[in-house]
Amino acid sequence: MKNIIISDIHSNADALLAVVKEIAEKEHPVSRLLIAGDIVGYGASPNECCGVARFLIYGRKAVDIKKIGEIVAQPYLDSHQQQDLYNALLALEKKGLAIGGNHDRETAGEPSLTSEMNPVASAAVEWTRGVLTKENLKFLKGLSLRMKFGKEGFEIVHSTPSYPRGYEYVKNAGVLKYTTLWSQVTFGGHTHRPSAYIYTKETRTVNASVLVPADNYDMRLMLIEKQSTNKVESFDVDSDKDWKYYVNVGSVGQPRDGNPQSSYVVFDSATKHIDFKRVPYNTEAASKRITEAKLPKELSERVLKGV
């Protein structure tokens, strides 16, 4: 099955629509579109992003088709581009599944059990809570924290599978261990930085790290991450070895790896192949929305720079 995994949309409708269009046009046929949390937060379009997510999951019975037409009617798109977006959403109708992230839960009144949000994130949550419709708030409250696909050997979680409500940042391979991963492949987000790590049963639990360039490593981990010296954008899960993989799919709405383009991952659970993809979108429009909503200035600048 062809699974598309996205995460950290963060109320960025411009980015989400661009990614949906890319997926519908270039990844056909799609079996599932999985959202690994943080649909809202930071950005200025939480209702639009929740509306798109709900349409992807439940279809037009949950979100009126006219509302979808309103969401795709962006002023910077001509009529043909708007129609393409509309068709893309229709093509992915009911293909979606979603879990919640820390911003989704905080907005719904269920904060992390282990950490407090910084002032900028907290201000965005308060603003989001004030503008969300009741139906979208109910949607966020109903999201689970993990979703497992046992027969296909993978699961999605926003942060870590062993303690999903802790929202621990997996910033390097040393954060997780073989024993704290419960599926052959775990997909997450939360850090907004695409990365992938391989874990084995050896004494040093981390065997290798792929995707992330070596110059970004914590130097204390270089010995156990020495196999990854070049950045790669695709790889195969080795089913013949008793390895486990943790794959961070990056962010749709607020990338932080220096590349402002949206990120998503393609996972074919039959062939066990993983591809990392990037999609350009109208960052200027997204930044302008944040400014007009009077959200913290830092947020409008981040989407432009990808930091």
Foldseek 3Di string as FASTA:
>chain_A
DKEKEAEQQAQQLQLVLLVLLCCLVPVPPHQAYEYAANLHFLFQHSQLSLLLQCQLAPNCVLPPLVVLLVSLPDPVDDPVSSVSSSVSSVSRGNRYDYAYAQLLCVLLVHHAPADDDDPQRVLRSVLCNVPHDPVSSVVSVPGHAKADDVVLFEIEGAAFPQRRSNLDHCQDPVVDFPVRDDTQEYEHASVLEWWKFKADPDPPGGQETAQDAPVSDDVVCCVRHVVYHDHDFKDARDPVGPMHMYTHFGHSHFAAPQDLWGWMWIADSVRRMIGIDTGDGDLQVRLVSCVVSVRDNVSSVRSVGRD
